[in-house]
Amino acid sequence: MTTSTGNYFHLHMVSDSTGETLITVARAVAAQYSHVSPVEHVYPLVRSQKQLDRVLAEIEESPGIVLFTLLEEELVSRLEGKCKEINIPSLSIIGPVLQLFQAYLGVSTSHRVGAQHTLNAEYFKRIDALNYTMMHDDGQHVEGLEEADVVLVGVSRTSKTPTSIYLANRGVRTANVPLVPGIPIPRQLETLTKPLVVSLHAAPERLIQIRQNRLLGIGARVDNDTYIDRQAVTDEVTFARRLSARYNWPLIDVTRRSIEETAAAIMKLFADRQRQRG
């Protein structure tokens, strides 16, 4: 049964925890269908029959695809029953994976809600990385760069900050330093031994487009500005490339990469470096 309307369809995500797993999986799949867009309905922390009642009412009012990560069997049974009753598809995102693990390991699950969010050493490592990254954003506190795992450099609008935050969420202490023609780089950047320094760059045309949108977004003038002048931006890119070559920093072109793809490339460089040093 197709319940989409025009170029949209309803996508219900029901979780007994934060819903992060569902959202990540659902958006990854939805991105493969460029001709339709989901209208997302996210229901986190659904752990009682009363909470589920509200969810079922909304699903019945706006039928569509239902994805869930519920562990309580009674809740699962009611949700699946309602979906069958109104003839819409439903799927447990972690159910098949749990069954695979159980078949291989020969033991049943603990059915612990939100188990992936336990306050363990890995969790506190991510919090520490986030604190470090926020303190060392955009060239701040360069005296502490040696404490980083990764240092990102690049001209303005090469996604240094969002990439740094993404890496920090993976537990990687990340600092970032802007490269500006005519302004010497911090001396600390020239003498780093522990961190991996990665240079992010993009095509001038792409940088100009992003910068124009940035200026329009803050209501600034977009004419007669070297910030978006083609020759000035081209000179910036050339300057950054030459500086990267001088210090042998690996280059990553972010022109057509998402933040996630850029971060994955950096993580690979970081892992390779760790193996070489180990």
Protein backbone atom coordinates (compact mmCIF):
# COMPACT_ATOMS: atom_id res chain seq x y z
CA MET A 1 0.00 0.00 0.00
CA THR A 2 1.47 3.35 -1.03
CA THR A 3 0.51 6.22 1.25
CA SER A 4 2.78 8.91 -0.15
CA THR A 5 1.27 12.14 -1.39
CA GLY A 6 3.00 13.75 -4.35
CA ASN A 7 6.71 13.91 -3.53
CA TYR A 8 6.30 13.25 0.19
CA PHE A 9 5.59 10.29 2.46
CA HIS A 10 5.21 9.91 6.21
CA LEU A 11 8.05 8.19 8.05
CA HIS A 12 7.42 7.23 11.69
CA MET A 13 10.42 6.39 13.90
CA VAL A 14 9.60 4.88 17.28
CA SER A 15 12.33 4.34 19.86
CA ASP A 16 12.56 3.39 23.53
CA SER A 17 15.81 5.40 23.70
CA THR A 18 17.04 8.60 22.02
CA GLY A 19 16.12 7.61 18.47
CA GLU A 20 19.59 8.42 17.11
CA THR A 21 20.06 4.95 15.61
CA LEU A 22 16.72 5.11 13.82
CA ILE A 23 17.28 8.58 12.46
CA THR A 24 20.73 7.71 11.12
CA VAL A 25 19.56 4.55 9.35
CA ALA A 26 16.35 6.08 8.03
CA ARG A 27 18.04 9.15 6.59
CA ALA A 28 20.78 7.08 4.99
CA VAL A 29 18.15 5.04 3.14
CA ALA A 30 15.85 7.99 2.36
CA ALA A 31 18.79 9.79 0.74
CA GLN A 32 18.77 7.12 -1.99
CA TYR A 33 15.34 8.30 -3.14
CA SER A 34 15.91 11.76 -4.54
CA HIS A 35 12.42 12.06 -6.04
CA VAL A 36 10.58 11.77 -2.70
CA SER A 37 11.16 13.25 0.75
CA PRO A 38 10.06 11.85 4.12
CA VAL A 39 7.93 13.79 6.54
CA GLU A 40 9.64 12.63 9.72
CA HIS A 41 7.72 11.79 12.90
CA VAL A 42 10.19 10.91 15.68
CA TYR A 43 9.00 9.38 18.96
CA PRO A 44 11.86 8.93 21.45
CA LEU A 45 11.68 7.35 24.93
CA VAL A 46 8.55 5.27 24.23
CA ARG A 47 8.59 2.87 27.19
CA SER A 48 4.98 2.51 28.35
CA GLN A 49 1.61 1.56 26.89
CA LYS A 50 0.33 5.10 27.49
CA GLN A 51 3.21 6.61 25.53
CA LEU A 52 2.61 4.12 22.74
CA ASP A 53 -1.10 5.07 22.59
CA ARG A 54 -0.16 8.58 21.40
CA VAL A 55 2.22 7.15 18.81
CA LEU A 56 -0.39 4.77 17.42
CA ALA A 57 -2.93 7.58 17.13
CA GLU A 58 -0.50 9.68 15.10
CA ILE A 59 0.46 6.75 12.88
CA GLU A 60 -3.21 6.07 12.15
CA GLU A 61 -3.79 9.76 11.38
CA SER A 62 -0.79 9.95 8.99
CA PRO A 63 -0.10 6.46 7.63
CA GLY A 64 3.34 5.70 6.21
CA ILE A 65 6.44 3.63 6.87
CA VAL A 66 7.07 2.69 10.51
CA LEU A 67 10.57 1.93 11.76
CA PHE A 68 11.23 1.10 15.39
CA THR A 69 13.83 0.11 17.95
CA LEU A 70 11.69 -1.24 20.79
CA LEU A 71 12.81 -4.09 23.04
CA GLU A 72 9.68 -4.56 25.18
CA GLU A 73 7.79 -7.42 23.51
CA GLU A 74 4.31 -6.16 24.44
CA LEU A 75 5.02 -2.76 22.90
CA VAL A 76 6.42 -4.39 19.76
CA SER A 77 3.36 -6.63 19.47
CA ARG A 78 0.92 -3.71 19.78
CA LEU A 79 2.83 -1.56 17.30
CA GLU A 80 3.11 -4.33 14.70
CA GLY A 81 -0.56 -5.24 15.25
CA LYS A 82 -1.71 -1.69 14.58
CA CYS A 83 0.42 -1.49 11.42
CA LYS A 84 -1.10 -4.72 10.10
CA GLU A 85 -4.57 -3.49 10.97
CA ILE A 86 -4.21 -0.31 8.88
CA ASN A 87 -2.15 -2.09 6.23
CA ILE A 88 1.17 -0.18 6.44
CA PRO A 89 4.71 -1.61 6.62
CA SER A 90 6.72 -1.75 9.86
CA LEU A 91 10.22 -2.96 10.59
CA SER A 92 12.43 -3.39 13.65
CA ILE A 93 15.81 -1.89 12.79
CA ILE A 94 17.77 -3.80 15.43
CA GLY A 95 15.64 -6.98 15.50
CA PRO A 96 17.39 -8.82 12.63
CA VAL A 97 20.81 -7.81 13.99
CA LEU A 98 19.91 -9.05 17.47
CA GLN A 99 18.77 -12.37 16.00
CA LEU A 100 22.04 -12.69 14.06
CA PHE A 101 24.11 -12.02 17.20
CA GLN A 102 22.01 -14.46 19.22
CA ALA A 103 22.35 -17.21 16.62
CA TYR A 104 26.12 -16.79 16.43
CA LEU A 105 26.83 -16.22 20.13
CA GLY A 106 24.31 -18.73 21.41
CA VAL A 107 23.06 -16.45 24.19
CA SER A 108 20.03 -14.19 24.51
CA THR A 109 20.15 -10.42 24.88
CA SER A 110 19.86 -8.51 28.14
CA HIS A 111 17.01 -6.39 26.70
CA ARG A 112 18.57 -3.34 28.34
CA VAL A 113 16.97 -0.14 27.00
CA GLY A 114 19.53 2.48 25.92
CA ALA A 115 22.44 0.13 26.58
CA GLN A 116 24.54 1.91 23.95
CA HIS A 117 24.40 5.10 26.03
CA THR A 118 26.01 3.63 29.15
CA LEU A 119 28.32 6.09 30.90
CA ASN A 120 31.50 4.15 30.21
CA ALA A 121 35.07 5.20 29.44
CA GLU A 122 34.24 5.67 25.75
CA TYR A 123 31.44 8.09 26.63
CA PHE A 124 33.68 10.25 28.79
CA LYS A 125 36.35 10.15 26.08
CA ARG A 126 33.85 11.74 23.67
CA ILE A 127 32.88 14.40 26.21
CA ASP A 128 36.56 15.23 26.77
CA ALA A 129 37.12 15.44 23.01
CA LEU A 130 34.13 17.77 22.58
CA ASN A 131 35.33 20.06 25.36
CA TYR A 132 38.80 20.19 23.83
CA THR A 133 37.45 20.85 20.33
CA MET A 134 35.18 23.70 21.42
CA MET A 135 38.10 25.31 23.28
CA HIS A 136 40.37 25.04 20.23
CA ASP A 137 38.02 26.14 17.48
CA ASP A 138 39.09 28.66 14.82
CA GLY A 139 42.67 29.11 16.03
CA GLN A 140 41.88 29.61 19.71
CA HIS A 141 44.38 28.55 22.42
CA VAL A 142 47.09 27.47 19.96
CA GLU A 143 49.38 26.79 22.92
CA GLY A 144 47.43 23.57 23.44
CA LEU A 145 47.61 22.21 19.88
CA GLU A 146 50.13 19.52 20.82
CA GLU A 147 47.42 17.89 22.95
CA ALA A 148 45.18 17.31 19.90
CA ASP A 149 44.79 14.06 17.99
CA VAL A 150 44.01 15.93 14.78
CA VAL A 151 44.50 19.55 13.72
CA LEU A 152 42.53 20.77 10.71
CA VAL A 153 43.78 23.74 8.69
CA GLY A 154 42.23 25.53 5.73
CA VAL A 155 40.91 28.81 4.40
CA SER A 156 37.52 30.18 5.45
CA ARG A 157 34.45 28.04 4.66
CA THR A 158 36.20 24.68 4.18
CA SER A 159 34.02 23.05 6.88
CA LYS A 160 36.74 23.00 9.54
CA THR A 161 34.44 23.58 12.51
CA PRO A 162 31.61 21.12 11.69
CA THR A 163 34.17 18.47 10.74
CA SER A 164 36.01 19.06 14.02
CA ILE A 165 32.80 18.63 16.01
CA TYR A 166 31.90 15.48 14.10
CA LEU A 167 35.33 13.99 14.84
CA ALA A 168 35.04 14.99 18.50
CA ASN A 169 31.79 13.05 18.69
CA ARG A 170 33.84 10.05 17.65
CA GLY A 171 36.25 10.67 20.51
CA VAL A 172 38.95 12.41 18.43
CA ARG A 173 40.36 15.55 20.06
CA THR A 174 40.32 17.97 17.13
CA ALA A 175 41.52 21.56 16.82
CA ASN A 176 41.26 23.76 13.74
CA VAL A 177 43.30 26.73 12.57
CA PRO A 178 42.38 29.11 9.72
CA LEU A 179 44.90 29.82 6.96
CA VAL A 180 44.85 33.48 5.94
CA PRO A 181 47.17 34.97 3.30
CA GLY A 182 49.40 37.62 4.78
CA ILE A 183 49.01 36.33 8.34
CA PRO A 184 51.76 33.99 9.60
CA ILE A 185 50.59 30.63 10.89
CA PRO A 186 51.03 30.05 14.64
CA ARG A 187 54.56 28.88 15.40
CA GLN A 188 53.04 25.98 17.38
CA LEU A 189 51.60 24.65 14.14
CA GLU A 190 55.07 24.39 12.62
CA THR A 191 56.52 22.26 15.42
CA LEU A 192 53.74 19.74 16.13
CA THR A 193 54.87 16.13 16.63
CA LYS A 194 51.89 14.27 18.13
CA PRO A 195 48.80 15.45 16.19
CA LEU A 196 47.95 14.63 12.59
CA VAL A 197 47.62 17.91 10.66
CA VAL A 198 45.19 17.73 7.73
CA SER A 199 44.60 20.53 5.22
CA LEU A 200 41.05 20.98 3.91
CA HIS A 201 40.60 22.75 0.61
CA ALA A 202 37.89 23.35 -1.98
CA ALA A 203 37.48 24.74 -5.48
CA PRO A 204 37.34 28.56 -5.56
CA GLU A 205 33.91 28.48 -7.23
CA ARG A 206 32.49 26.42 -4.40
CA LEU A 207 34.05 28.64 -1.73
CA ILE A 208 32.63 31.77 -3.39
CA GLN A 209 29.15 30.22 -3.50
CA ILE A 210 29.27 29.24 0.19
CA ARG A 211 30.66 32.63 1.22
CA GLN A 212 28.00 34.50 -0.76
CA ASN A 213 25.29 32.50 0.98
CA ARG A 214 26.97 33.18 4.31
CA LEU A 215 27.04 36.95 3.70
CA LEU A 216 23.43 36.99 2.52
CA GLY A 217 22.43 35.01 5.59
CA ILE A 218 23.84 37.62 7.94
CA GLY A 219 22.59 40.54 5.84
CA ALA A 220 26.03 41.74 4.78
CA ARG A 221 26.86 43.33 1.41
CA VAL A 222 28.07 40.88 -1.23
CA ASP A 223 29.68 43.27 -3.70
CA ASN A 224 33.21 44.69 -3.83
CA ASP A 225 34.43 42.29 -1.17
CA THR A 226 37.73 40.39 -1.42
CA TYR A 227 36.05 37.67 0.65
CA ILE A 228 34.15 36.62 -2.49
CA ASP A 229 36.36 38.10 -5.21
CA ARG A 230 37.30 35.29 -7.59
CA GLN A 231 40.97 36.23 -7.92
CA ALA A 232 41.35 36.80 -4.18
CA VAL A 233 39.74 33.46 -3.36
CA THR A 234 41.90 31.69 -5.97
CA ASP A 235 44.98 33.25 -4.37
CA GLU A 236 43.81 31.99 -0.95
CA VAL A 237 43.46 28.44 -2.26
CA THR A 238 46.90 28.60 -3.91
CA PHE A 239 48.43 29.95 -0.69
CA ALA A 240 46.90 27.13 1.37
CA ARG A 241 48.06 24.46 -1.08
CA ARG A 242 51.64 25.78 -1.09
CA LEU A 243 51.69 25.94 2.70
CA SER A 244 50.41 22.36 2.91
CA ALA A 245 53.10 21.19 0.49
CA ARG A 246 55.80 22.98 2.49
CA TYR A 247 54.84 21.19 5.72
CA ASN A 248 53.81 17.94 4.03
CA TRP A 249 50.24 18.11 5.37
CA PRO A 250 47.85 15.67 3.66
CA LEU A 251 45.20 17.43 1.56
CA ILE A 252 41.50 16.58 1.44
CA ASP A 253 39.28 18.19 -1.19
CA VAL A 254 35.93 18.96 0.46
CA THR A 255 34.34 20.49 -2.67
CA ARG A 256 31.90 17.62 -3.17
CA ARG A 257 32.21 15.82 0.15
CA SER A 258 29.74 15.77 3.00
CA ILE A 259 30.99 16.35 6.55
CA GLU A 260 30.64 12.61 7.20
CA GLU A 261 32.73 11.71 4.15
CA THR A 262 35.43 14.21 5.05
CA ALA A 263 35.53 12.91 8.62
CA ALA A 264 35.76 9.31 7.39
CA ALA A 265 38.75 10.20 5.20
CA ILE A 266 40.44 11.91 8.15
CA MET A 267 39.73 8.94 10.44
CA LYS A 268 41.41 6.65 7.90
CA LEU A 269 44.48 8.89 7.75
CA PHE A 270 44.55 9.00 11.55
CA ALA A 271 44.22 5.22 11.89
CA ASP A 272 46.96 4.62 9.29
CA ARG A 273 49.24 7.00 11.16
CA GLN A 274 48.54 5.30 14.48
CA ARG A 275 49.38 1.91 12.98
CA GLN A 276 52.64 3.21 11.54
CA ARG A 277 53.63 4.66 14.90
CA GLY A 278 52.44 1.63 16.85
